[in-house]
Amino acid sequence: MIRRLLGNLPEKLLALLAAGLVWYQLQASEPIAERTLTRPLQVLGVQQGQSVSGLPQTVELRLRGPARLIEGNNLSTVNAYIDLSGVGEGAFVRNVQVGLPAGVRLVAVEPGRVEGRLEAVVSQRLAVEIHSPGRWVRFEPTYVQAIGPRGLVNQAVKAVGVDMGGDQVRLFPVDATGEPLESLALNPGQARVIQRETIQAQKTVPLVLAEPPASLRVLEARIPGSVTLVGPVAALEGVTQVRASPEWRTGSYTSPLQLQLPEGVRVTAPVQGNFRVAAK
């Protein structure tokens, strides 16, 4: 029996060789194509309460493979992503990963390496300021919450709006230079106008921080340098500065400021400050 099998071995080898040649010829004759795709950059591994910034929205992929795989809708499963599992808060650099179907090869990806920043989503209370030329406006709420990445929230100093005569005024978070921070969300995003009065007189004076209690030590205090007042001319004439008192307590916090104002004098918007206070 062994002799019979060995006797047929040359024929079997020839048949196997012929089959391999046919397969190679079929493969060689199949046209190869290239195709460029744009895909959204997916971000994996981000936990609830975290935010990613600085990344491109899309990446460009150049792919190569048999024409039957490259053309038409055969590449609908192709995706581009980065994985941030285990990445701590702060800056990061990651290579772009690409998921491809079998038989398709990645030629190039642009960009192939991306930089971004992972931050916790936090909130901070902002004073509301509504501009209404020639009028004093009473509105509610006087404070709103800014919600977004920690670094962006720390830049926000107030929420502003322009009174156009309606009941509701849309609010925008701004930084210290007055530039809007469009990526921040406000809750609520509008203020309701309760009352409008024609301004009798207006005056801007320095804002001075009152002394803290003897048991506390101020490590850091940031308050506006001035405040704009409205009221009767006679009442404003004698005002050269305004003394402001926060809620004094230990810790790092933001507090609205209570202002010592003459009778009939108001501020155009509530003011607040940031404090770092320790016990003596």
C-alpha atoms as a PDB file:
ATOM      1  CA  MET A   1       0.000   0.000   0.000  1.00  0.00           C
ATOM      2  CA  ILE A   2       2.826   2.388   0.869  1.00  0.00           C
ATOM      3  CA  ARG A   3       4.470   1.583  -2.425  1.00  0.00           C
ATOM      4  CA  ARG A   4       1.214   2.387  -4.246  1.00  0.00           C
ATOM      5  CA  LEU A   5       0.967   5.828  -2.487  1.00  0.00           C
ATOM      6  CA  LEU A   6       4.554   6.697  -3.233  1.00  0.00           C
ATOM      7  CA  GLY A   7       4.006   5.728  -6.791  1.00  0.00           C
ATOM      8  CA  ASN A   8       1.278   8.376  -7.152  1.00  0.00           C
ATOM      9  CA  LEU A   9       3.317  11.113  -5.417  1.00  0.00           C
ATOM     10  CA  PRO A  10       4.695  12.827  -8.564  1.00  0.00           C
ATOM     11  CA  GLU A  11       1.204  13.135 -10.047  1.00  0.00           C
ATOM     12  CA  LYS A  12      -0.130  14.637  -6.804  1.00  0.00           C
ATOM     13  CA  LEU A  13       2.706  17.146  -6.617  1.00  0.00           C
ATOM     14  CA  LEU A  14       2.093  18.209 -10.190  1.00  0.00           C
ATOM     15  CA  ALA A  15      -1.633  18.691  -9.517  1.00  0.00           C
ATOM     16  CA  LEU A  16      -0.903  20.806  -6.422  1.00  0.00           C
ATOM     17  CA  LEU A  17       1.600  22.917  -8.349  1.00  0.00           C
ATOM     18  CA  ALA A  18      -0.888  23.483 -11.149  1.00  0.00           C
ATOM     19  CA  ALA A  19      -3.576  24.588  -8.677  1.00  0.00           C
ATOM     20  CA  GLY A  20      -1.128  27.048  -7.094  1.00  0.00           C
ATOM     21  CA  LEU A  21      -0.248  28.511 -10.489  1.00  0.00           C
ATOM     22  CA  VAL A  22      -3.916  29.009 -11.346  1.00  0.00           C
ATOM     23  CA  TRP A  23      -4.563  30.753  -7.979  1.00  0.00           C
ATOM     24  CA  TYR A  24      -1.527  33.035  -8.470  1.00  0.00           C
ATOM     25  CA  GLN A  25      -2.629  33.979 -11.976  1.00  0.00           C
ATOM     26  CA  LEU A  26      -6.114  34.833 -10.735  1.00  0.00           C
ATOM     27  CA  GLN A  27      -4.675  36.980  -7.971  1.00  0.00           C
ATOM     28  CA  ALA A  28      -2.241  38.707 -10.310  1.00  0.00           C
ATOM     29  CA  SER A  29      -4.942  39.440 -12.843  1.00  0.00           C
ATOM     30  CA  GLU A  30      -7.298  41.095 -10.263  1.00  0.00           C
ATOM     31  CA  PRO A  31      -6.941  44.877 -10.534  1.00  0.00           C
ATOM     32  CA  ILE A  32      -5.612  46.802  -7.516  1.00  0.00           C
ATOM     33  CA  ALA A  33      -7.152  50.187  -6.660  1.00  0.00           C
ATOM     34  CA  GLU A  34      -6.585  53.033  -4.243  1.00  0.00           C
ATOM     35  CA  ARG A  35      -9.200  55.207  -2.573  1.00  0.00           C
ATOM     36  CA  THR A  36      -9.152  58.200  -0.229  1.00  0.00           C
ATOM     37  CA  LEU A  37     -11.778  58.425   2.513  1.00  0.00           C
ATOM     38  CA  THR A  38     -12.605  61.007   5.176  1.00  0.00           C
ATOM     39  CA  ARG A  39     -13.768  59.522   8.454  1.00  0.00           C
ATOM     40  CA  PRO A  40     -14.792  61.111  11.789  1.00  0.00           C
ATOM     41  CA  LEU A  41     -12.209  60.620  14.522  1.00  0.00           C
ATOM     42  CA  GLN A  42     -13.846  58.541  17.220  1.00  0.00           C
ATOM     43  CA  VAL A  43     -12.646  58.863  20.826  1.00  0.00           C
ATOM     44  CA  LEU A  44     -12.875  55.757  22.996  1.00  0.00           C
ATOM     45  CA  GLY A  45     -12.255  55.318  26.702  1.00  0.00           C
ATOM     46  CA  VAL A  46     -13.588  58.700  27.893  1.00  0.00           C
ATOM     47  CA  GLN A  47     -15.371  58.395  31.226  1.00  0.00           C
ATOM     48  CA  GLN A  48     -18.549  60.162  32.267  1.00  0.00           C
ATOM     49  CA  GLY A  49     -17.721  63.614  33.613  1.00  0.00           C
ATOM     50  CA  GLN A  50     -14.718  64.052  31.296  1.00  0.00           C
ATOM     51  CA  SER A  51     -14.287  66.236  28.212  1.00  0.00           C
ATOM     52  CA  VAL A  52     -11.787  66.085  25.329  1.00  0.00           C
ATOM     53  CA  SER A  53     -10.638  69.170  23.426  1.00  0.00           C
ATOM     54  CA  GLY A  54      -8.071  70.052  20.766  1.00  0.00           C
ATOM     55  CA  LEU A  55      -8.698  67.078  18.446  1.00  0.00           C
ATOM     56  CA  PRO A  56      -9.496  67.268  14.715  1.00  0.00           C
ATOM     57  CA  GLN A  57     -13.061  66.344  13.815  1.00  0.00           C
ATOM     58  CA  THR A  58     -12.012  64.083  10.920  1.00  0.00           C
ATOM     59  CA  VAL A  59      -8.997  62.268   9.476  1.00  0.00           C
ATOM     60  CA  GLU A  60      -8.159  61.371   5.864  1.00  0.00           C
ATOM     61  CA  LEU A  61      -7.350  57.762   4.975  1.00  0.00           C
ATOM     62  CA  ARG A  62      -5.677  56.430   1.814  1.00  0.00           C
ATOM     63  CA  LEU A  63      -6.452  52.747   1.256  1.00  0.00           C
ATOM     64  CA  ARG A  64      -5.282  50.111  -1.244  1.00  0.00           C
ATOM     65  CA  GLY A  65      -6.638  46.705  -2.159  1.00  0.00           C
ATOM     66  CA  PRO A  66      -8.499  44.656  -4.759  1.00  0.00           C
ATOM     67  CA  ALA A  67     -10.894  46.842  -6.749  1.00  0.00           C
ATOM     68  CA  ARG A  68     -13.863  44.677  -5.764  1.00  0.00           C
ATOM     69  CA  LEU A  69     -13.181  45.597  -2.088  1.00  0.00           C
ATOM     70  CA  ILE A  70     -12.185  49.225  -2.595  1.00  0.00           C
ATOM     71  CA  GLU A  71     -15.030  50.387  -4.830  1.00  0.00           C
ATOM     72  CA  GLY A  72     -18.706  50.924  -4.014  1.00  0.00           C
ATOM     73  CA  ASN A  73     -20.012  50.659  -0.449  1.00  0.00           C
ATOM     74  CA  ASN A  74     -17.602  47.954   0.638  1.00  0.00           C
ATOM     75  CA  LEU A  75     -15.675  50.332   2.931  1.00  0.00           C
ATOM     76  CA  SER A  76     -18.634  51.398   5.090  1.00  0.00           C
ATOM     77  CA  THR A  77     -17.109  49.605   8.105  1.00  0.00           C
ATOM     78  CA  VAL A  78     -13.803  51.518   7.957  1.00  0.00           C
ATOM     79  CA  ASN A  79     -13.339  53.645  11.079  1.00  0.00           C
ATOM     80  CA  ALA A  80     -10.641  55.803  12.688  1.00  0.00           C
ATOM     81  CA  TYR A  81     -10.223  56.164  16.439  1.00  0.00           C
ATOM     82  CA  ILE A  82      -8.001  56.828  19.426  1.00  0.00           C
ATOM     83  CA  ASP A  83      -8.296  55.068  22.764  1.00  0.00           C
ATOM     84  CA  LEU A  84      -7.922  57.159  25.944  1.00  0.00           C
ATOM     85  CA  SER A  85      -8.536  54.340  28.416  1.00  0.00           C
ATOM     86  CA  GLY A  86      -6.442  54.971  31.514  1.00  0.00           C
ATOM     87  CA  VAL A  87      -5.301  58.445  30.426  1.00  0.00           C
ATOM     88  CA  GLY A  88      -5.197  60.988  33.274  1.00  0.00           C
ATOM     89  CA  GLU A  89      -6.377  64.585  33.170  1.00  0.00           C
ATOM     90  CA  GLY A  90      -4.125  66.841  31.093  1.00  0.00           C
ATOM     91  CA  ALA A  91      -2.447  66.874  27.676  1.00  0.00           C
ATOM     92  CA  PHE A  92      -2.029  63.664  25.669  1.00  0.00           C
ATOM     93  CA  VAL A  93      -0.598  62.454  22.322  1.00  0.00           C
ATOM     94  CA  ARG A  94      -2.039  59.418  20.540  1.00  0.00           C
ATOM     95  CA  ASN A  95      -1.551  57.587  17.229  1.00  0.00           C
ATOM     96  CA  VAL A  96      -4.696  57.279  15.124  1.00  0.00           C
ATOM     97  CA  GLN A  97      -5.879  53.673  14.830  1.00  0.00           C
ATOM     98  CA  VAL A  98      -7.815  52.453  11.768  1.00  0.00           C
ATOM     99  CA  GLY A  99     -10.192  49.501  11.535  1.00  0.00           C
ATOM    100  CA  LEU A 100     -10.095  47.859   8.074  1.00  0.00           C
ATOM    101  CA  PRO A 101     -11.844  44.918   6.400  1.00  0.00           C
ATOM    102  CA  ALA A 102      -9.748  41.894   5.406  1.00  0.00           C
ATOM    103  CA  GLY A 103      -7.818  42.367   2.193  1.00  0.00           C
ATOM    104  CA  VAL A 104      -7.623  46.182   2.423  1.00  0.00           C
ATOM    105  CA  ARG A 105      -4.355  47.886   3.371  1.00  0.00           C
ATOM    106  CA  LEU A 106      -3.806  51.306   4.922  1.00  0.00           C
ATOM    107  CA  VAL A 107      -1.387  53.393   2.836  1.00  0.00           C
ATOM    108  CA  ALA A 108      -1.514  56.634   4.834  1.00  0.00           C
ATOM    109  CA  VAL A 109      -3.554  58.475   7.469  1.00  0.00           C
ATOM    110  CA  GLU A 110      -3.492  62.243   7.919  1.00  0.00           C
ATOM    111  CA  PRO A 111      -3.007  63.239  10.634  1.00  0.00           C
ATOM    112  CA  GLY A 112      -1.485  60.041  11.899  1.00  0.00           C
ATOM    113  CA  ARG A 113      -0.746  61.444  15.368  1.00  0.00           C
ATOM    114  CA  VAL A 114      -3.017  63.806  17.300  1.00  0.00           C
ATOM    115  CA  GLU A 115      -2.633  65.958  20.400  1.00  0.00           C
ATOM    116  CA  GLY A 116      -5.455  66.927  22.744  1.00  0.00           C
ATOM    117  CA  ARG A 117      -6.415  67.600  26.310  1.00  0.00           C
ATOM    118  CA  LEU A 118      -8.546  65.527  28.664  1.00  0.00           C
ATOM    119  CA  GLU A 119     -10.248  67.496  31.426  1.00  0.00           C
ATOM    120  CA  ALA A 120     -12.912  67.009  34.033  1.00  0.00           C
ATOM    121  CA  VAL A 121     -16.267  68.652  33.371  1.00  0.00           C
ATOM    122  CA  VAL A 122     -16.917  71.148  36.193  1.00  0.00           C
ATOM    123  CA  SER A 123     -19.305  73.997  36.916  1.00  0.00           C
ATOM    124  CA  GLN A 124     -18.910  77.498  38.339  1.00  0.00           C
ATOM    125  CA  ARG A 125     -21.348  80.214  39.289  1.00  0.00           C
ATOM    126  CA  LEU A 126     -21.188  83.363  37.153  1.00  0.00           C
ATOM    127  CA  ALA A 127     -22.758  86.760  37.764  1.00  0.00           C
ATOM    128  CA  VAL A 128     -25.192  87.882  35.060  1.00  0.00           C
ATOM    129  CA  GLU A 129     -24.735  91.269  33.393  1.00  0.00           C
ATOM    130  CA  ILE A 130     -27.339  92.653  30.982  1.00  0.00           C
ATOM    131  CA  HIS A 131     -26.546  95.694  28.843  1.00  0.00           C
ATOM    132  CA  SER A 132     -29.464  98.025  28.188  1.00  0.00           C
ATOM    133  CA  PRO A 133     -28.220 101.449  26.988  1.00  0.00           C
ATOM    134  CA  GLY A 134     -30.025 104.305  28.710  1.00  0.00           C
ATOM    135  CA  ARG A 135     -31.992 102.020  31.008  1.00  0.00           C
ATOM    136  CA  TRP A 136     -31.572 100.186  34.272  1.00  0.00           C
ATOM    137  CA  VAL A 137     -32.872  96.622  34.054  1.00  0.00           C
ATOM    138  CA  ARG A 138     -33.933  94.337  36.866  1.00  0.00           C
ATOM    139  CA  PHE A 139     -33.799  90.667  35.904  1.00  0.00           C
ATOM    140  CA  GLU A 140     -33.606  87.137  37.211  1.00  0.00           C
ATOM    141  CA  PRO A 141     -31.615  85.032  37.794  1.00  0.00           C
ATOM    142  CA  THR A 142     -28.668  87.188  38.789  1.00  0.00           C
ATOM    143  CA  TYR A 143     -26.336  84.167  38.764  1.00  0.00           C
ATOM    144  CA  VAL A 144     -26.075  81.164  36.415  1.00  0.00           C
ATOM    145  CA  GLN A 145     -23.915  78.045  36.253  1.00  0.00           C
ATOM    146  CA  ALA A 146     -21.195  77.705  33.598  1.00  0.00           C
ATOM    147  CA  ILE A 147     -20.588  74.045  32.718  1.00  0.00           C
ATOM    148  CA  GLY A 148     -17.691  72.665  30.657  1.00  0.00           C
ATOM    149  CA  PRO A 149     -14.009  71.612  30.680  1.00  0.00           C
ATOM    150  CA  ARG A 150     -12.153  72.794  33.782  1.00  0.00           C
ATOM    151  CA  GLY A 151      -9.650  74.970  31.884  1.00  0.00           C
ATOM    152  CA  LEU A 152     -12.398  76.789  29.986  1.00  0.00           C
ATOM    153  CA  VAL A 153     -14.631  77.239  33.025  1.00  0.00           C
ATOM    154  CA  ASN A 154     -11.709  78.833  34.887  1.00  0.00           C
ATOM    155  CA  GLN A 155     -11.487  81.489  32.151  1.00  0.00           C
ATOM    156  CA  ALA A 156     -15.135  82.550  32.493  1.00  0.00           C
ATOM    157  CA  VAL A 157     -15.744  85.711  34.554  1.00  0.00           C
ATOM    158  CA  LYS A 158     -19.409  86.542  33.880  1.00  0.00           C
ATOM    159  CA  ALA A 159     -22.457  85.848  31.722  1.00  0.00           C
ATOM    160  CA  VAL A 160     -23.594  88.785  29.589  1.00  0.00           C
ATOM    161  CA  GLY A 161     -26.631  89.613  27.470  1.00  0.00           C
ATOM    162  CA  VAL A 162     -28.062  92.526  25.503  1.00  0.00           C
ATOM    163  CA  ASP A 163     -31.574  93.753  26.266  1.00  0.00           C
ATOM    164  CA  MET A 164     -33.490  93.960  22.986  1.00  0.00           C
ATOM    165  CA  GLY A 165     -36.815  94.854  24.627  1.00  0.00           C
ATOM    166  CA  GLY A 166     -38.235  91.350  25.002  1.00  0.00           C
ATOM    167  CA  ASP A 167     -39.035  89.372  28.126  1.00  0.00           C
ATOM    168  CA  GLN A 168     -36.070  86.999  27.694  1.00  0.00           C
ATOM    169  CA  VAL A 169     -32.405  87.886  27.164  1.00  0.00           C
ATOM    170  CA  ARG A 170     -29.984  85.286  25.829  1.00  0.00           C
ATOM    171  CA  LEU A 171     -26.785  84.982  27.880  1.00  0.00           C
ATOM    172  CA  PHE A 172     -23.193  84.280  26.783  1.00  0.00           C
ATOM    173  CA  PRO A 173     -20.191  83.361  28.985  1.00  0.00           C
ATOM    174  CA  VAL A 174     -17.185  85.648  28.445  1.00  0.00           C
ATOM    175  CA  ASP A 175     -13.580  85.799  29.661  1.00  0.00           C
ATOM    176  CA  ALA A 176     -11.760  88.720  31.280  1.00  0.00           C
ATOM    177  CA  THR A 177     -11.242  90.402  27.887  1.00  0.00           C
ATOM    178  CA  GLY A 178     -14.922  90.139  26.972  1.00  0.00           C
ATOM    179  CA  GLU A 179     -14.392  87.375  24.400  1.00  0.00           C
ATOM    180  CA  PRO A 180     -17.229  84.805  24.313  1.00  0.00           C
ATOM    181  CA  LEU A 181     -16.465  81.240  25.395  1.00  0.00           C
ATOM    182  CA  GLU A 182     -18.720  79.461  22.935  1.00  0.00           C
ATOM    183  CA  SER A 183     -17.902  75.925  24.099  1.00  0.00           C
ATOM    184  CA  LEU A 184     -19.281  76.568  27.582  1.00  0.00           C
ATOM    185  CA  ALA A 185     -22.892  75.823  28.443  1.00  0.00           C
ATOM    186  CA  LEU A 186     -24.927  78.053  30.762  1.00  0.00           C
ATOM    187  CA  ASN A 187     -27.717  76.867  33.003  1.00  0.00           C
ATOM    188  CA  PRO A 188     -30.039  78.629  32.554  1.00  0.00           C
ATOM    189  CA  GLY A 189     -29.038  80.152  29.236  1.00  0.00           C
ATOM    190  CA  GLN A 190     -31.472  83.076  29.469  1.00  0.00           C
ATOM    191  CA  ALA A 191     -32.492  85.765  31.942  1.00  0.00           C
ATOM    192  CA  ARG A 192     -36.008  87.141  32.373  1.00  0.00           C
ATOM    193  CA  VAL A 193     -36.455  90.918  32.476  1.00  0.00           C
ATOM    194  CA  ILE A 194     -38.688  91.977  35.368  1.00  0.00           C
ATOM    195  CA  GLN A 195     -38.398  95.769  35.280  1.00  0.00           C
ATOM    196  CA  ARG A 196     -36.891  98.561  33.177  1.00  0.00           C
ATOM    197  CA  GLU A 197     -36.248 102.125  34.323  1.00  0.00           C
ATOM    198  CA  THR A 198     -34.667 105.121  32.619  1.00  0.00           C
ATOM    199  CA  ILE A 199     -31.249 105.781  34.139  1.00  0.00           C
ATOM    200  CA  GLN A 200     -31.007 109.122  35.969  1.00  0.00           C
ATOM    201  CA  ALA A 201     -27.214 109.127  36.282  1.00  0.00           C
ATOM    202  CA  GLN A 202     -24.344 106.682  36.018  1.00  0.00           C
ATOM    203  CA  LYS A 203     -20.909 106.596  37.632  1.00  0.00           C
ATOM    204  CA  THR A 204     -17.991 104.148  37.756  1.00  0.00           C
ATOM    205  CA  VAL A 205     -15.959 104.074  40.971  1.00  0.00           C
ATOM    206  CA  PRO A 206     -13.220 101.824  42.458  1.00  0.00           C
ATOM    207  CA  LEU A 207     -14.242  98.696  44.339  1.00  0.00           C
ATOM    208  CA  VAL A 208     -12.478  98.177  47.698  1.00  0.00           C
ATOM    209  CA  LEU A 209     -12.458  94.904  49.620  1.00  0.00           C
ATOM    210  CA  ALA A 210     -13.509  95.101  53.273  1.00  0.00           C
ATOM    211  CA  GLU A 211     -11.239  93.664  55.969  1.00  0.00           C
ATOM    212  CA  PRO A 212     -11.845  90.003  56.891  1.00  0.00           C
ATOM    213  CA  PRO A 213     -12.647  88.881  60.442  1.00  0.00           C
ATOM    214  CA  ALA A 214      -9.650  88.785  62.787  1.00  0.00           C
ATOM    215  CA  SER A 215      -9.717  84.960  62.817  1.00  0.00           C
ATOM    216  CA  LEU A 216      -9.138  84.640  59.058  1.00  0.00           C
ATOM    217  CA  ARG A 217      -6.174  85.311  56.772  1.00  0.00           C
ATOM    218  CA  VAL A 218      -6.691  86.147  53.073  1.00  0.00           C
ATOM    219  CA  LEU A 219      -4.209  84.238  50.894  1.00  0.00           C
ATOM    220  CA  GLU A 220      -5.657  85.413  47.599  1.00  0.00           C
ATOM    221  CA  ALA A 221      -8.516  87.727  46.623  1.00  0.00           C
ATOM    222  CA  ARG A 222      -9.606  88.610  43.104  1.00  0.00           C
ATOM    223  CA  ILE A 223     -12.392  91.163  42.712  1.00  0.00           C
ATOM    224  CA  PRO A 224     -13.307  93.616  39.937  1.00  0.00           C
ATOM    225  CA  GLY A 225     -11.299  96.832  40.051  1.00  0.00           C
ATOM    226  CA  SER A 226     -14.381  99.013  39.691  1.00  0.00           C
ATOM    227  CA  VAL A 227     -18.178  98.958  39.709  1.00  0.00           C
ATOM    228  CA  THR A 228     -20.733 101.000  37.752  1.00  0.00           C
ATOM    229  CA  LEU A 229     -23.498 102.649  39.779  1.00  0.00           C
ATOM    230  CA  VAL A 230     -26.817 104.185  38.717  1.00  0.00           C
ATOM    231  CA  GLY A 231     -29.079 106.481  40.713  1.00  0.00           C
ATOM    232  CA  PRO A 232     -29.956 110.128  41.471  1.00  0.00           C
ATOM    233  CA  VAL A 233     -27.248 112.648  40.609  1.00  0.00           C
ATOM    234  CA  ALA A 234     -27.129 114.009  44.162  1.00  0.00           C
ATOM    235  CA  ALA A 235     -26.665 110.532  45.643  1.00  0.00           C
ATOM    236  CA  LEU A 236     -23.827 109.673  43.255  1.00  0.00           C
ATOM    237  CA  GLU A 237     -21.860 112.908  43.698  1.00  0.00           C
ATOM    238  CA  GLY A 238     -20.476 111.926  47.095  1.00  0.00           C
ATOM    239  CA  VAL A 239     -19.535 108.363  46.156  1.00  0.00           C
ATOM    240  CA  THR A 240     -15.793 108.012  45.490  1.00  0.00           C
ATOM    241  CA  GLN A 241     -15.473 104.266  46.102  1.00  0.00           C
ATOM    242  CA  VAL A 242     -17.591 101.287  47.138  1.00  0.00           C
ATOM    243  CA  ARG A 243     -16.669  98.843  49.891  1.00  0.00           C
ATOM    244  CA  ALA A 244     -17.401  95.170  49.134  1.00  0.00           C
ATOM    245  CA  SER A 245     -17.800  92.270  51.576  1.00  0.00           C
ATOM    246  CA  PRO A 246     -17.848  88.595  50.514  1.00  0.00           C
ATOM    247  CA  GLU A 247     -19.035  85.624  52.527  1.00  0.00           C
ATOM    248  CA  TRP A 248     -15.971  85.143  54.708  1.00  0.00           C
ATOM    249  CA  ARG A 249     -14.991  81.500  55.325  1.00  0.00           C
ATOM    250  CA  THR A 250     -11.966  79.224  54.925  1.00  0.00           C
ATOM    251  CA  GLY A 251     -11.181  77.492  51.636  1.00  0.00           C
ATOM    252  CA  SER A 252     -11.063  78.381  47.938  1.00  0.00           C
ATOM    253  CA  TYR A 253     -14.382  79.654  46.654  1.00  0.00           C
ATOM    254  CA  THR A 254     -16.340  82.165  44.577  1.00  0.00           C
ATOM    255  CA  SER A 255     -18.628  84.508  46.494  1.00  0.00           C
ATOM    256  CA  PRO A 256     -21.065  87.295  45.573  1.00  0.00           C
ATOM    257  CA  LEU A 257     -20.065  90.671  47.004  1.00  0.00           C
ATOM    258  CA  GLN A 258     -22.313  92.700  49.278  1.00  0.00           C
ATOM    259  CA  LEU A 259     -21.838  96.391  48.459  1.00  0.00           C
ATOM    260  CA  GLN A 260     -22.246  99.364  50.794  1.00  0.00           C
ATOM    261  CA  LEU A 261     -24.345 101.759  48.679  1.00  0.00           C
ATOM    262  CA  PRO A 262     -26.197 105.020  49.431  1.00  0.00           C
ATOM    263  CA  GLU A 263     -29.989 105.049  49.441  1.00  0.00           C
ATOM    264  CA  GLY A 264     -31.417 104.883  45.910  1.00  0.00           C
ATOM    265  CA  VAL A 265     -28.149 103.818  44.281  1.00  0.00           C
ATOM    266  CA  ARG A 266     -27.872 100.491  42.467  1.00  0.00           C
ATOM    267  CA  VAL A 267     -25.240  98.589  40.512  1.00  0.00           C
ATOM    268  CA  THR A 268     -25.707  97.815  36.833  1.00  0.00           C
ATOM    269  CA  ALA A 269     -24.893  94.134  37.489  1.00  0.00           C
ATOM    270  CA  PRO A 270     -24.115  91.920  40.500  1.00  0.00           C
ATOM    271  CA  VAL A 271     -20.424  91.442  41.270  1.00  0.00           C
ATOM    272  CA  GLN A 272     -18.480  88.522  42.683  1.00  0.00           C
ATOM    273  CA  GLY A 273     -14.941  87.612  43.632  1.00  0.00           C
ATOM    274  CA  ASN A 274     -12.648  84.594  43.951  1.00  0.00           C
ATOM    275  CA  PHE A 275     -11.016  83.961  47.318  1.00  0.00           C
ATOM    276  CA  ARG A 276      -8.539  81.677  49.055  1.00  0.00           C
ATOM    277  CA  VAL A 277      -8.790  82.078  52.815  1.00  0.00           C
ATOM    278  CA  ALA A 278      -7.188  80.257  55.751  1.00  0.00           C
ATOM    279  CA  ALA A 279      -7.642  80.377  59.491  1.00  0.00           C
ATOM    280  CA  LYS A 280      -4.984  82.245  61.499  1.00  0.00           C
END
